[in-house]
Amino acid sequence: MQKTAKRTLVCNTAKTKTIATVLAIIGAVAIPQLFHYIGMITNVGSNFGATFLPMHFMIFLVGYFAGTWAGLAAGAASPVVSFLLTTAMGRPMPALALLPYMVVELAVYGFTTGAFAQKQGKKLPTIATLLIAQVAGRALRALAIVMGVFVFGAVLPGAAFPTDVSTIWVSIYQGLPGLILQWIIIPLAVFYVEKKANV
C-alpha cells in the first residue's frame, strides 16, 4: 500500500518556519503585555490575562502553520523570553515559580498542534486538533505541577498549604473564556490563512 504523503503546511520551508517561530514568540510575549495593560486600566489586574490566555493563541497558530518543531520551539521559548524581559522591567510575567509549568504546557500545545497539522491521511477538523492539543497541554502541565510539588517540594504562588495543587483546577475554570475564544478564533484564522495559501 502506498504511503500517504504528509499535508503541506502554510510555512513549508526552513526560512518561513523560522520566521513564523520568531513572529510567534514576539506575539506571545507582546500580546499578554497588552492584556496586562488593559487589566491595569480597568482595575481587573493580572486576572485579565489568566482569563483570556493571550499567550496561547500564537503557539497554537504557529503549530498549525509551521509544524511540530516550530510549535515546540515557540511554545518553550515564549514564557522564558517573557519572563526575562518583564523581569528586567521589574514585574516578571510569568512568576518564576510558574515558569517551568508554562514552558511544559505551551511546548506541548505547539508540538501537538503541529503533529496533527502534519498528520498523514485525512485531515482532522481544526477544532478537533485544537481540543486534543488543549487537553494534552493541560494534562502534562498538571503532571508537571504534581511532580514539582510532591517530588521536588515546590510551593505554588497563592498555595494555602505546601502541597496545595488546586491551581490546576482553578486555572482551567478561570481560563474558560480564553478556551472558548480559542475555539472560535483559531479555526477561523486557520481556515482563512489556509484558503489564502491554497493548502
C-alpha atoms as a PDB file:
ATOM      1  CA  MET A   1       0.000   0.000   0.000  1.00  0.00           C
ATOM      2  CA  GLN A   2       1.343   3.407  -0.958  1.00  0.00           C
ATOM      3  CA  LYS A   3       2.079   5.675   1.982  1.00  0.00           C
ATOM      4  CA  THR A   4       0.015   8.856   2.098  1.00  0.00           C
ATOM      5  CA  ALA A   5       2.104  11.996   1.933  1.00  0.00           C
ATOM      6  CA  LYS A   6       2.079  14.450   4.787  1.00  0.00           C
ATOM      7  CA  ARG A   7      -0.062  17.540   4.400  1.00  0.00           C
ATOM      8  CA  THR A   8       1.578  20.664   3.088  1.00  0.00           C
ATOM      9  CA  LEU A   9       1.930  23.358   5.730  1.00  0.00           C
ATOM     10  CA  VAL A  10       1.458  27.065   5.084  1.00  0.00           C
ATOM     11  CA  CYS A  11       5.079  27.579   6.180  1.00  0.00           C
ATOM     12  CA  ASN A  12       6.869  24.730   4.446  1.00  0.00           C
ATOM     13  CA  THR A  13      10.481  25.904   4.107  1.00  0.00           C
ATOM     14  CA  ALA A  14      13.176  26.359   6.731  1.00  0.00           C
ATOM     15  CA  LYS A  15      13.102  30.123   6.178  1.00  0.00           C
ATOM     16  CA  THR A  16       9.324  30.507   6.572  1.00  0.00           C
ATOM     17  CA  LYS A  17       9.268  28.161   9.574  1.00  0.00           C
ATOM     18  CA  THR A  18      11.984  30.235  11.265  1.00  0.00           C
ATOM     19  CA  ILE A  19      10.182  33.490  10.524  1.00  0.00           C
ATOM     20  CA  ALA A  20       6.905  32.039  11.811  1.00  0.00           C
ATOM     21  CA  THR A  21       8.595  30.833  15.000  1.00  0.00           C
ATOM     22  CA  VAL A  22      10.171  34.223  15.702  1.00  0.00           C
ATOM     23  CA  LEU A  23       6.909  36.059  14.990  1.00  0.00           C
ATOM     24  CA  ALA A  24       5.012  33.658  17.237  1.00  0.00           C
ATOM     25  CA  ILE A  25       7.442  34.292  20.104  1.00  0.00           C
ATOM     26  CA  ILE A  26       7.174  38.058  19.613  1.00  0.00           C
ATOM     27  CA  GLY A  27       3.380  37.881  19.539  1.00  0.00           C
ATOM     28  CA  ALA A  28       3.209  35.526  22.504  1.00  0.00           C
ATOM     29  CA  VAL A  29       5.292  37.966  24.532  1.00  0.00           C
ATOM     30  CA  ALA A  30       3.724  41.237  23.321  1.00  0.00           C
ATOM     31  CA  ILE A  31       0.022  40.342  23.360  1.00  0.00           C
ATOM     32  CA  PRO A  32      -0.049  39.374  27.068  1.00  0.00           C
ATOM     33  CA  GLN A  33       1.552  42.747  27.851  1.00  0.00           C
ATOM     34  CA  LEU A  34      -1.370  44.438  26.098  1.00  0.00           C
ATOM     35  CA  PHE A  35      -3.807  42.379  28.171  1.00  0.00           C
ATOM     36  CA  HIS A  36      -1.848  43.238  31.308  1.00  0.00           C
ATOM     37  CA  TYR A  37      -2.125  46.929  30.471  1.00  0.00           C
ATOM     38  CA  ILE A  38      -5.867  46.627  29.831  1.00  0.00           C
ATOM     39  CA  GLY A  39      -6.208  44.798  33.146  1.00  0.00           C
ATOM     40  CA  MET A  40      -4.397  47.642  34.888  1.00  0.00           C
ATOM     41  CA  ILE A  41      -6.502  50.461  33.429  1.00  0.00           C
ATOM     42  CA  THR A  42      -9.745  48.574  34.055  1.00  0.00           C
ATOM     43  CA  ASN A  43      -8.732  47.581  37.607  1.00  0.00           C
ATOM     44  CA  VAL A  44      -9.120  43.888  36.727  1.00  0.00           C
ATOM     45  CA  GLY A  45      -5.447  43.234  37.405  1.00  0.00           C
ATOM     46  CA  SER A  46      -3.465  40.205  36.232  1.00  0.00           C
ATOM     47  CA  ASN A  47      -6.612  38.065  36.183  1.00  0.00           C
ATOM     48  CA  PHE A  48      -7.400  39.540  32.772  1.00  0.00           C
ATOM     49  CA  GLY A  49      -4.556  37.584  31.183  1.00  0.00           C
ATOM     50  CA  ALA A  50      -5.291  34.429  33.182  1.00  0.00           C
ATOM     51  CA  THR A  51      -8.892  34.608  31.947  1.00  0.00           C
ATOM     52  CA  PHE A  52      -8.248  35.128  28.229  1.00  0.00           C
ATOM     53  CA  LEU A  53      -4.923  33.227  27.886  1.00  0.00           C
ATOM     54  CA  PRO A  54      -3.440  35.566  25.258  1.00  0.00           C
ATOM     55  CA  MET A  55      -0.063  33.800  25.050  1.00  0.00           C
ATOM     56  CA  HIS A  56      -1.660  30.552  23.921  1.00  0.00           C
ATOM     57  CA  PHE A  57      -3.117  31.819  20.649  1.00  0.00           C
ATOM     58  CA  MET A  58       0.206  32.397  18.878  1.00  0.00           C
ATOM     59  CA  ILE A  59       1.524  28.985  19.920  1.00  0.00           C
ATOM     60  CA  PHE A  60      -1.456  27.112  18.530  1.00  0.00           C
ATOM     61  CA  LEU A  61      -1.276  29.091  15.291  1.00  0.00           C
ATOM     62  CA  VAL A  62       2.439  28.556  14.702  1.00  0.00           C
ATOM     63  CA  GLY A  63       1.882  24.832  15.261  1.00  0.00           C
ATOM     64  CA  TYR A  64      -0.822  24.797  12.606  1.00  0.00           C
ATOM     65  CA  PHE A  65       1.085  26.867  10.094  1.00  0.00           C
ATOM     66  CA  ALA A  66       4.715  25.826  10.653  1.00  0.00           C
ATOM     67  CA  GLY A  67       4.509  22.348  12.164  1.00  0.00           C
ATOM     68  CA  THR A  68       5.728  20.336  15.109  1.00  0.00           C
ATOM     69  CA  TRP A  69       9.194  21.708  15.808  1.00  0.00           C
ATOM     70  CA  ALA A  70       8.272  25.342  15.212  1.00  0.00           C
ATOM     71  CA  GLY A  71       5.360  24.910  17.610  1.00  0.00           C
ATOM     72  CA  LEU A  72       7.559  23.217  20.189  1.00  0.00           C
ATOM     73  CA  ALA A  73      10.290  25.862  19.936  1.00  0.00           C
ATOM     74  CA  ALA A  74       7.896  28.810  20.135  1.00  0.00           C
ATOM     75  CA  GLY A  75       5.948  27.215  22.971  1.00  0.00           C
ATOM     76  CA  ALA A  76       9.039  26.514  25.059  1.00  0.00           C
ATOM     77  CA  ALA A  77      10.758  29.829  24.347  1.00  0.00           C
ATOM     78  CA  SER A  78       7.864  32.279  24.722  1.00  0.00           C
ATOM     79  CA  PRO A  79       7.388  32.027  28.522  1.00  0.00           C
ATOM     80  CA  VAL A  80      11.160  32.205  29.050  1.00  0.00           C
ATOM     81  CA  VAL A  81      11.563  35.290  26.837  1.00  0.00           C
ATOM     82  CA  SER A  82       8.543  36.903  28.505  1.00  0.00           C
ATOM     83  CA  PHE A  83       9.958  36.184  31.958  1.00  0.00           C
ATOM     84  CA  LEU A  84      13.397  37.608  31.108  1.00  0.00           C
ATOM     85  CA  LEU A  85      12.047  40.793  29.521  1.00  0.00           C
ATOM     86  CA  THR A  86       9.433  41.513  32.174  1.00  0.00           C
ATOM     87  CA  THR A  87      11.859  40.736  34.991  1.00  0.00           C
ATOM     88  CA  ALA A  88      14.165  43.383  33.541  1.00  0.00           C
ATOM     89  CA  MET A  89      11.199  45.788  33.767  1.00  0.00           C
ATOM     90  CA  GLY A  90      10.600  44.827  37.396  1.00  0.00           C
ATOM     91  CA  ARG A  91       7.362  42.810  37.016  1.00  0.00           C
ATOM     92  CA  PRO A  92       8.102  39.221  35.999  1.00  0.00           C
ATOM     93  CA  MET A  93       5.449  37.504  33.875  1.00  0.00           C
ATOM     94  CA  PRO A  94       5.004  34.618  34.439  1.00  0.00           C
ATOM     95  CA  ALA A  95       6.174  34.295  38.024  1.00  0.00           C
ATOM     96  CA  LEU A  96       9.369  32.270  38.354  1.00  0.00           C
ATOM     97  CA  ALA A  97       7.543  29.577  40.358  1.00  0.00           C
ATOM     98  CA  LEU A  98       5.121  29.043  37.449  1.00  0.00           C
ATOM     99  CA  LEU A  99       7.628  29.350  34.598  1.00  0.00           C
ATOM    100  CA  PRO A 100       8.572  25.641  34.269  1.00  0.00           C
ATOM    101  CA  TYR A 101       4.927  24.597  34.123  1.00  0.00           C
ATOM    102  CA  MET A 102       4.102  27.174  31.457  1.00  0.00           C
ATOM    103  CA  VAL A 103       7.081  26.022  29.381  1.00  0.00           C
ATOM    104  CA  VAL A 104       5.785  22.438  29.514  1.00  0.00           C
ATOM    105  CA  GLU A 105       2.198  23.452  28.755  1.00  0.00           C
ATOM    106  CA  LEU A 106       2.941  25.716  25.798  1.00  0.00           C
ATOM    107  CA  ALA A 107       5.585  23.421  24.321  1.00  0.00           C
ATOM    108  CA  VAL A 108       3.033  20.582  24.328  1.00  0.00           C
ATOM    109  CA  TYR A 109       0.429  22.868  22.734  1.00  0.00           C
ATOM    110  CA  GLY A 110       2.750  23.761  19.882  1.00  0.00           C
ATOM    111  CA  PHE A 111       4.128  20.253  19.381  1.00  0.00           C
ATOM    112  CA  THR A 112       0.726  18.533  19.445  1.00  0.00           C
ATOM    113  CA  THR A 113      -0.929  21.062  17.174  1.00  0.00           C
ATOM    114  CA  GLY A 114       1.919  20.763  14.701  1.00  0.00           C
ATOM    115  CA  ALA A 115       1.846  16.965  14.822  1.00  0.00           C
ATOM    116  CA  PHE A 116      -1.827  16.840  13.890  1.00  0.00           C
ATOM    117  CA  ALA A 117      -1.486  19.622  11.329  1.00  0.00           C
ATOM    118  CA  GLN A 118       1.104  17.446   9.549  1.00  0.00           C
ATOM    119  CA  LYS A 119      -0.813  14.212  10.093  1.00  0.00           C
ATOM    120  CA  GLN A 120      -0.810  11.782   7.210  1.00  0.00           C
ATOM    121  CA  GLY A 121      -4.089  10.879   5.550  1.00  0.00           C
ATOM    122  CA  LYS A 122      -7.418  12.566   6.225  1.00  0.00           C
ATOM    123  CA  LYS A 123      -7.119  15.906   7.950  1.00  0.00           C
ATOM    124  CA  LEU A 124      -8.778  16.278  11.347  1.00  0.00           C
ATOM    125  CA  PRO A 125     -11.097  19.268  11.758  1.00  0.00           C
ATOM    126  CA  THR A 126      -9.197  22.205  13.226  1.00  0.00           C
ATOM    127  CA  ILE A 127     -11.401  22.243  16.329  1.00  0.00           C
ATOM    128  CA  ALA A 128     -10.609  18.565  16.987  1.00  0.00           C
ATOM    129  CA  THR A 129      -6.864  19.184  16.720  1.00  0.00           C
ATOM    130  CA  LEU A 130      -7.225  22.192  18.997  1.00  0.00           C
ATOM    131  CA  LEU A 131      -9.127  20.215  21.635  1.00  0.00           C
ATOM    132  CA  ILE A 132      -6.559  17.392  21.587  1.00  0.00           C
ATOM    133  CA  ALA A 133      -3.715  19.896  21.991  1.00  0.00           C
ATOM    134  CA  GLN A 134      -5.516  21.725  24.799  1.00  0.00           C
ATOM    135  CA  VAL A 135      -6.146  18.519  26.730  1.00  0.00           C
ATOM    136  CA  ALA A 136      -2.568  17.288  26.183  1.00  0.00           C
ATOM    137  CA  GLY A 137      -1.051  20.588  27.302  1.00  0.00           C
ATOM    138  CA  ARG A 138      -3.230  20.890  30.387  1.00  0.00           C
ATOM    139  CA  ALA A 139      -2.658  17.249  31.343  1.00  0.00           C
ATOM    140  CA  LEU A 140       1.128  17.485  31.139  1.00  0.00           C
ATOM    141  CA  ARG A 141       1.073  20.826  32.940  1.00  0.00           C
ATOM    142  CA  ALA A 142      -0.911  19.187  35.743  1.00  0.00           C
ATOM    143  CA  LEU A 143       1.548  16.281  35.833  1.00  0.00           C
ATOM    144  CA  ALA A 144       4.484  18.717  35.973  1.00  0.00           C
ATOM    145  CA  ILE A 145       2.854  20.610  38.853  1.00  0.00           C
ATOM    146  CA  VAL A 146       2.162  17.425  40.818  1.00  0.00           C
ATOM    147  CA  MET A 147       5.764  16.285  40.311  1.00  0.00           C
ATOM    148  CA  GLY A 148       7.112  19.713  41.208  1.00  0.00           C
ATOM    149  CA  VAL A 149       5.121  19.875  44.433  1.00  0.00           C
ATOM    150  CA  PHE A 150       5.279  16.282  45.651  1.00  0.00           C
ATOM    151  CA  VAL A 151       8.657  15.179  44.276  1.00  0.00           C
ATOM    152  CA  PHE A 152      10.741  18.363  44.335  1.00  0.00           C
ATOM    153  CA  GLY A 153       8.972  20.234  47.144  1.00  0.00           C
ATOM    154  CA  ALA A 154       7.975  23.274  45.085  1.00  0.00           C
ATOM    155  CA  VAL A 155       5.373  25.608  46.589  1.00  0.00           C
ATOM    156  CA  LEU A 156       2.997  27.313  44.168  1.00  0.00           C
ATOM    157  CA  PRO A 157       2.134  31.039  44.418  1.00  0.00           C
ATOM    158  CA  GLY A 158      -1.003  31.538  46.499  1.00  0.00           C
ATOM    159  CA  ALA A 159      -0.936  27.997  47.870  1.00  0.00           C
ATOM    160  CA  ALA A 160      -2.971  27.590  51.062  1.00  0.00           C
ATOM    161  CA  PHE A 161      -0.512  24.930  52.271  1.00  0.00           C
ATOM    162  CA  PRO A 162       2.771  23.490  50.911  1.00  0.00           C
ATOM    163  CA  THR A 163       1.191  20.643  48.918  1.00  0.00           C
ATOM    164  CA  ASP A 164      -1.757  22.672  47.592  1.00  0.00           C
ATOM    165  CA  VAL A 165      -2.186  21.944  43.854  1.00  0.00           C
ATOM    166  CA  SER A 166      -5.674  23.426  43.481  1.00  0.00           C
ATOM    167  CA  THR A 167      -4.230  25.860  40.948  1.00  0.00           C
ATOM    168  CA  ILE A 168      -4.615  23.045  38.394  1.00  0.00           C
ATOM    169  CA  TRP A 169      -8.397  23.268  38.610  1.00  0.00           C
ATOM    170  CA  VAL A 170      -8.576  26.994  39.308  1.00  0.00           C
ATOM    171  CA  SER A 171      -6.607  27.835  36.159  1.00  0.00           C
ATOM    172  CA  ILE A 172      -8.912  25.697  33.990  1.00  0.00           C
ATOM    173  CA  TYR A 173     -12.045  27.291  35.444  1.00  0.00           C
ATOM    174  CA  GLN A 174     -10.605  30.796  35.309  1.00  0.00           C
ATOM    175  CA  GLY A 175      -9.408  30.329  31.727  1.00  0.00           C
ATOM    176  CA  LEU A 176     -12.728  29.095  30.286  1.00  0.00           C
ATOM    177  CA  PRO A 177     -13.413  32.390  28.447  1.00  0.00           C
ATOM    178  CA  GLY A 178      -9.996  32.103  26.817  1.00  0.00           C
ATOM    179  CA  LEU A 179     -10.636  28.491  25.823  1.00  0.00           C
ATOM    180  CA  ILE A 180     -13.953  29.462  24.240  1.00  0.00           C
ATOM    181  CA  LEU A 181     -12.293  32.286  22.320  1.00  0.00           C
ATOM    182  CA  GLN A 182      -9.665  29.825  21.077  1.00  0.00           C
ATOM    183  CA  TRP A 183     -12.410  27.502  19.814  1.00  0.00           C
ATOM    184  CA  ILE A 184     -13.859  30.396  17.803  1.00  0.00           C
ATOM    185  CA  ILE A 185     -10.864  32.409  16.643  1.00  0.00           C
ATOM    186  CA  ILE A 186      -8.274  29.738  15.847  1.00  0.00           C
ATOM    187  CA  PRO A 187     -10.408  27.611  13.452  1.00  0.00           C
ATOM    188  CA  LEU A 188     -11.462  30.810  11.645  1.00  0.00           C
ATOM    189  CA  ALA A 189      -7.845  32.007  11.401  1.00  0.00           C
ATOM    190  CA  VAL A 190      -6.637  28.623  10.143  1.00  0.00           C
ATOM    191  CA  PHE A 191      -9.449  28.449   7.564  1.00  0.00           C
ATOM    192  CA  TYR A 192      -8.721  31.962   6.313  1.00  0.00           C
ATOM    193  CA  VAL A 193      -4.948  31.588   6.069  1.00  0.00           C
ATOM    194  CA  GLU A 194      -5.042  28.105   4.509  1.00  0.00           C
ATOM    195  CA  LYS A 195      -7.617  29.263   1.969  1.00  0.00           C
ATOM    196  CA  LYS A 196      -5.425  32.211   1.009  1.00  0.00           C
ATOM    197  CA  ALA A 197      -2.370  29.956   0.803  1.00  0.00           C
ATOM    198  CA  ASN A 198      -4.261  27.213  -1.085  1.00  0.00           C
ATOM    199  CA  VAL A 199      -3.100  24.360   1.174  1.00  0.00           C
END
